[in-house]
Protein backbone atom coordinates (compact mmCIF):
# COMPACT_ATOMS: atom_id res chain seq x y z
CA MET A 1 88.79 111.73 121.31
CA LYS A 2 90.07 108.49 122.86
CA ARG A 3 90.49 106.95 119.43
CA LEU A 4 92.39 109.99 118.20
CA PHE A 5 94.71 109.88 121.22
CA PHE A 6 95.26 106.14 120.73
CA THR A 7 96.06 106.70 117.05
CA ILE A 8 98.57 109.47 117.78
CA VAL A 9 100.35 107.32 120.39
CA ILE A 10 100.57 104.35 118.04
CA VAL A 11 101.94 106.50 115.20
CA PHE A 12 104.58 108.00 117.51
CA ILE A 13 105.70 104.56 118.73
CA ILE A 14 105.87 103.16 115.20
CA ILE A 15 107.89 106.06 113.77
CA THR A 16 110.28 106.08 116.75
CA THR A 17 110.81 102.32 116.58
CA THR A 18 111.36 102.45 112.83
CA LYS A 19 114.04 105.12 113.17
CA ILE A 20 115.86 103.29 115.95
CA THR A 21 115.87 99.93 114.20
CA ALA A 22 116.74 101.13 110.69
CA GLN A 23 120.24 99.65 110.83
CA ASN A 24 120.48 98.41 107.25
CA GLY A 25 118.36 101.00 105.45
CA MET A 26 115.42 103.32 105.68
CA PHE A 27 113.06 104.17 102.83
CA MET A 28 110.26 106.55 101.99
CA MET A 29 107.52 104.57 100.28
CA CYS A 30 104.56 105.31 98.01
CA GLY A 31 102.35 102.80 96.30
CA TYR A 32 99.10 101.86 94.60
CA GLY A 33 96.87 98.90 95.26
CA LEU A 34 93.86 96.95 94.02
CA GLU A 35 91.68 94.88 96.28
CA GLN A 36 88.50 92.79 96.16
CA TYR A 37 86.02 92.21 98.98
CA GLN A 38 84.83 88.67 99.56
CA ASN A 39 81.16 89.62 99.86
CA THR A 40 79.34 92.87 99.06
CA ASP A 41 75.81 91.41 98.82
CA ALA A 42 74.37 94.00 101.23
CA ILE A 43 75.58 96.86 99.04
CA THR A 44 74.30 95.12 95.91
CA LEU A 45 70.80 94.87 97.42
CA VAL A 46 70.76 98.58 98.25
CA VAL A 47 72.12 99.68 94.87
CA ASN A 48 69.70 97.45 92.95
CA ASP A 49 66.76 98.87 94.92
CA TYR A 50 67.92 102.38 94.05
CA ASN A 51 68.15 101.60 90.31
CA ASN A 52 64.83 99.71 90.28
CA HIS A 53 63.00 102.52 92.06
CA ASN A 54 64.20 105.11 89.55
CA THR A 55 63.14 102.88 86.66
CA SER A 56 59.69 102.35 88.23
CA ILE A 57 59.00 106.11 88.33
CA GLY A 58 59.99 106.63 84.73
CA LEU A 59 63.59 107.77 84.96
CA ILE A 60 65.78 106.71 82.05
CA ALA A 61 69.35 106.09 83.13
CA LYS A 62 72.37 107.47 81.35
CA ASN A 63 74.55 105.75 83.92
CA LYS A 64 73.17 103.35 86.51
CA LEU A 65 74.64 103.08 89.97
CA LYS A 66 76.95 100.07 90.24
CA SER A 67 77.72 97.80 93.18
CA PRO A 68 81.36 97.43 94.23
CA GLY A 69 83.93 95.64 92.12
CA LEU A 70 87.61 96.47 92.46
CA PHE A 71 88.63 98.91 95.18
CA LYS A 72 91.58 101.17 94.30
CA GLY A 73 93.84 103.16 96.54
CA ILE A 74 97.18 104.67 97.50
CA LYS A 75 99.60 104.23 100.38
CA LEU A 76 102.37 106.39 101.81
CA GLY A 77 104.83 105.54 104.56
CA MET A 78 108.28 104.46 105.69
CA LYS A 79 110.11 101.15 105.54
CA SER A 80 113.22 99.91 107.33
CA LYS A 81 115.34 96.80 106.82
CA VAL A 82 117.10 95.13 109.75
CA GLY A 83 119.02 92.02 108.75
CA ARG A 84 116.45 89.55 107.42
CA MET A 85 113.56 91.59 108.80
CA THR A 86 111.61 94.29 107.01
CA MET A 87 109.31 96.61 108.97
CA SER A 88 107.11 99.36 107.61
CA PHE A 89 104.43 101.81 108.59
CA ASP A 90 102.01 103.21 106.04
CA LEU A 91 98.92 105.35 105.68
CA ASN A 92 96.50 103.82 103.20
CA TYR A 93 93.32 104.77 101.42
CA SER A 94 91.22 102.47 99.25
CA GLN A 95 87.79 103.05 97.75
CA PHE A 96 85.17 102.17 95.14
CA LYS A 97 83.24 104.95 93.39
CA SER A 98 80.13 104.92 91.20
CA THR A 99 77.90 107.65 89.78
CA ALA A 100 74.28 107.55 88.57
CA VAL A 101 72.95 110.15 86.15
CA SER A 102 69.57 110.00 84.49
CA ASN A 103 66.91 112.05 82.68
CA ASP A 104 63.27 112.19 83.70
CA SER A 105 61.32 110.92 80.70
CA LEU A 106 58.49 113.43 81.27
CA TYR A 107 60.19 116.60 82.44
CA SER A 108 63.75 116.12 81.13
CA SER A 109 65.13 116.99 84.59
CA GLU A 110 68.43 115.42 85.53
CA TYR A 111 69.15 113.64 88.78
CA PHE A 112 72.57 112.78 90.17
CA THR A 113 73.87 110.37 92.83
CA LYS A 114 77.44 109.43 93.62
CA ILE A 115 78.63 106.88 96.16
CA LYS A 116 82.07 106.19 97.61
CA ILE A 117 82.78 103.10 99.70
CA GLY A 118 86.07 102.05 101.23
CA ASN A 119 88.55 102.29 104.06
CA VAL A 120 91.17 104.72 105.30
CA GLY A 121 93.72 104.13 108.05
CA PHE A 122 97.25 102.97 108.80
CA SER A 123 99.12 99.68 109.02
CA LEU A 124 102.12 98.32 110.88
CA ASN A 125 103.81 95.65 108.77
CA TYR A 126 106.47 93.03 109.45
CA ALA A 127 108.11 90.50 107.12
CA LEU A 128 110.84 87.89 107.51
CA ASN A 129 112.94 87.56 104.36
CA LEU A 130 113.59 83.84 103.95
CA ILE A 131 115.40 84.78 100.75
CA ASN A 132 117.60 87.78 101.52
CA LEU A 133 119.84 88.56 98.55
CA GLU A 134 121.38 91.89 97.66
CA TYR A 135 118.85 92.71 94.97
CA PHE A 136 115.94 90.38 95.83
CA ARG A 137 114.16 89.64 99.09
CA THR A 138 110.98 87.69 99.89
CA GLY A 139 109.25 85.97 102.77
CA PRO A 140 106.05 85.82 104.85
CA GLY A 141 104.68 88.88 106.60
CA LEU A 142 101.94 90.11 108.90
CA SER A 143 100.14 93.45 109.28
CA LEU A 144 98.02 95.09 111.94
CA ASN A 145 95.55 97.54 110.39
CA ILE A 146 93.65 100.31 112.18
CA GLU A 147 91.10 101.83 109.83
CA LYS A 148 87.72 103.39 109.25
CA PHE A 149 85.23 101.76 106.87
CA ARG A 150 83.15 104.50 105.27
CA MET A 151 80.15 104.68 102.97
CA TYR A 152 79.51 108.10 101.40
CA CYS A 153 76.63 109.38 99.30
CA ARG A 154 76.13 112.68 97.44
CA LYS A 155 72.91 113.61 95.60
CA ASP A 156 73.62 117.15 94.36
CA LYS A 157 76.73 117.73 92.26
CA SER A 158 76.34 121.52 92.46
CA TYR A 159 77.44 121.42 96.13
CA GLY A 160 80.91 120.12 95.31
CA THR A 161 82.95 117.44 97.03
CA SER A 162 82.06 118.62 100.54
CA ALA A 163 78.41 117.64 100.12
CA TYR A 164 78.85 113.92 100.86
CA GLU A 165 76.71 112.38 103.59
CA LYS A 166 78.46 109.67 105.60
CA PRO A 167 75.84 107.36 107.15
CA VAL A 168 78.40 104.58 107.79
CA ASP A 169 81.69 105.47 109.50
CA LYS A 170 82.89 102.35 111.33
CA PHE A 171 86.13 102.09 113.32
CA MET A 172 87.84 98.82 112.34
CA MET A 173 90.86 96.71 113.19
CA SER A 174 92.10 93.85 111.06
CA ALA A 175 95.10 91.63 110.41
CA SER A 176 96.66 90.78 107.06
CA ALA A 177 98.77 87.88 105.88
CA ARG A 178 101.28 89.15 103.30
CA TRP A 179 104.09 87.83 101.13
CA PRO A 180 106.20 90.76 99.86
CA LEU A 181 108.55 90.39 96.91
CA SER A 182 111.18 93.15 96.89
CA PHE A 183 113.37 93.91 93.86
CA GLY A 184 116.28 96.35 93.97
CA GLY A 185 119.03 97.68 96.22
CA MET A 186 119.37 100.05 99.13
CA LYS A 187 118.91 103.27 97.13
CA PHE A 188 115.73 102.20 95.36
CA ASN A 189 113.55 99.10 95.31
CA ILE A 190 110.08 97.97 94.25
CA ASP A 191 107.80 95.79 96.36
CA ILE A 192 104.99 93.64 94.99
CA ILE A 193 102.81 92.58 97.92
CA PRO A 194 99.87 90.18 97.67
CA TYR A 195 97.80 90.05 100.86
CA TYR A 196 94.70 88.63 102.54
CA THR A 197 92.93 90.66 105.25
CA LEU A 198 90.69 89.39 108.05
CA PRO A 199 88.69 92.05 109.96
CA PHE A 200 87.97 91.82 113.68
CA TRP A 201 84.44 93.25 113.26
CA LYS A 202 81.62 93.50 110.74
CA VAL A 203 79.84 96.53 109.25
CA ASP A 204 76.11 97.34 109.33
CA ALA A 205 74.97 98.96 106.06
CA SER A 206 71.37 99.61 107.22
CA LEU A 207 71.72 103.39 107.55
CA PHE A 208 73.24 103.67 104.09
CA ASN A 209 70.02 102.06 102.83
CA SER A 210 67.29 103.59 104.98
CA GLU A 211 68.62 107.07 105.78
CA GLU A 212 70.56 107.95 102.66
CA LEU A 213 70.52 106.16 99.32
CA ASN A 214 66.94 104.80 99.48
CA MET A 215 65.45 107.13 102.08
CA GLY A 216 61.65 107.25 101.76
CA TYR A 217 61.28 104.01 99.82
CA HIS A 218 63.81 101.58 101.31
CA THR A 219 63.17 97.87 101.82
CA ALA A 220 63.40 96.76 105.47
CA TYR A 221 66.03 94.05 105.13
CA THR A 222 67.12 91.87 108.03
CA LYS A 223 70.26 92.57 110.02
CA ASP A 224 72.01 89.61 108.37
CA GLN A 225 71.14 90.91 104.90
CA MET A 226 72.59 94.32 105.74
CA THR A 227 75.79 93.00 107.36
CA ILE A 228 79.10 93.38 105.49
CA ASN A 229 82.01 91.15 106.51
CA PRO A 230 84.91 93.12 104.99
CA VAL A 231 87.24 90.19 104.34
CA ARG A 232 89.34 91.21 101.35
CA TRP A 233 92.40 90.36 99.31
CA GLY A 234 94.54 92.31 96.93
CA VAL A 235 97.95 93.32 95.69
CA GLU A 236 100.07 96.45 96.16
CA VAL A 237 102.94 97.83 94.10
CA VAL A 238 105.18 100.05 96.23
CA LEU A 239 108.15 102.27 95.28
CA ASN A 240 110.78 102.67 98.01
CA PHE A 241 113.34 105.49 97.96
CA GLY A 242 116.38 105.09 100.21
CA ILE A 243 117.02 107.88 102.71
CA LYS A 244 119.51 106.10 105.01
CA GLU A 245 122.01 103.23 104.65
């Protein structure tokens, strides 16, 4: 409840500030991003154990479960330009998905497992346009991110999308170094934003291993082996539609 209240207050402050300071333009924004985590060894251990166990009991995989590669996601928000400054607020969602399907070699019975791993939250972004031309702007930026890192698992596709278990649901804060490149005018522009994100905390993946994906046959890894440090980098492409000049 405290986290929800804190989130609502922050959103209200950000939206109010954005409206007040939007002296040179306000934009509705929507975008798509790709990102890569620096280290997902803990998840790889858990996924490999899952695949190896199924092989050991005679299950022949159609599709094996995969450990994370690229995370993909969307963002929605508002952006304002004030002189050389650009400020924005966005809701973002990024995840990796993988599905395992196999046939039992003796009984021809199918099993199914799907995992989703990623983060959802919002960001407050600021950039100083060292180059501030009419149709091109660029410069360094910073972001404060308030998110949840989640690890989902579903083992029965007949239950639909509501059947996911969520053994890991970690509240996170992080900061990102960004360098936006903005092309276009005040009615419409496109931002290309490379970034590097440093989290303030780490994530424990133990429950994803022992109480969900590999429940009943999990390996008791050490705390260090099951710790995820969600440092990540990526790039976003954002479309901005002017709503005020």
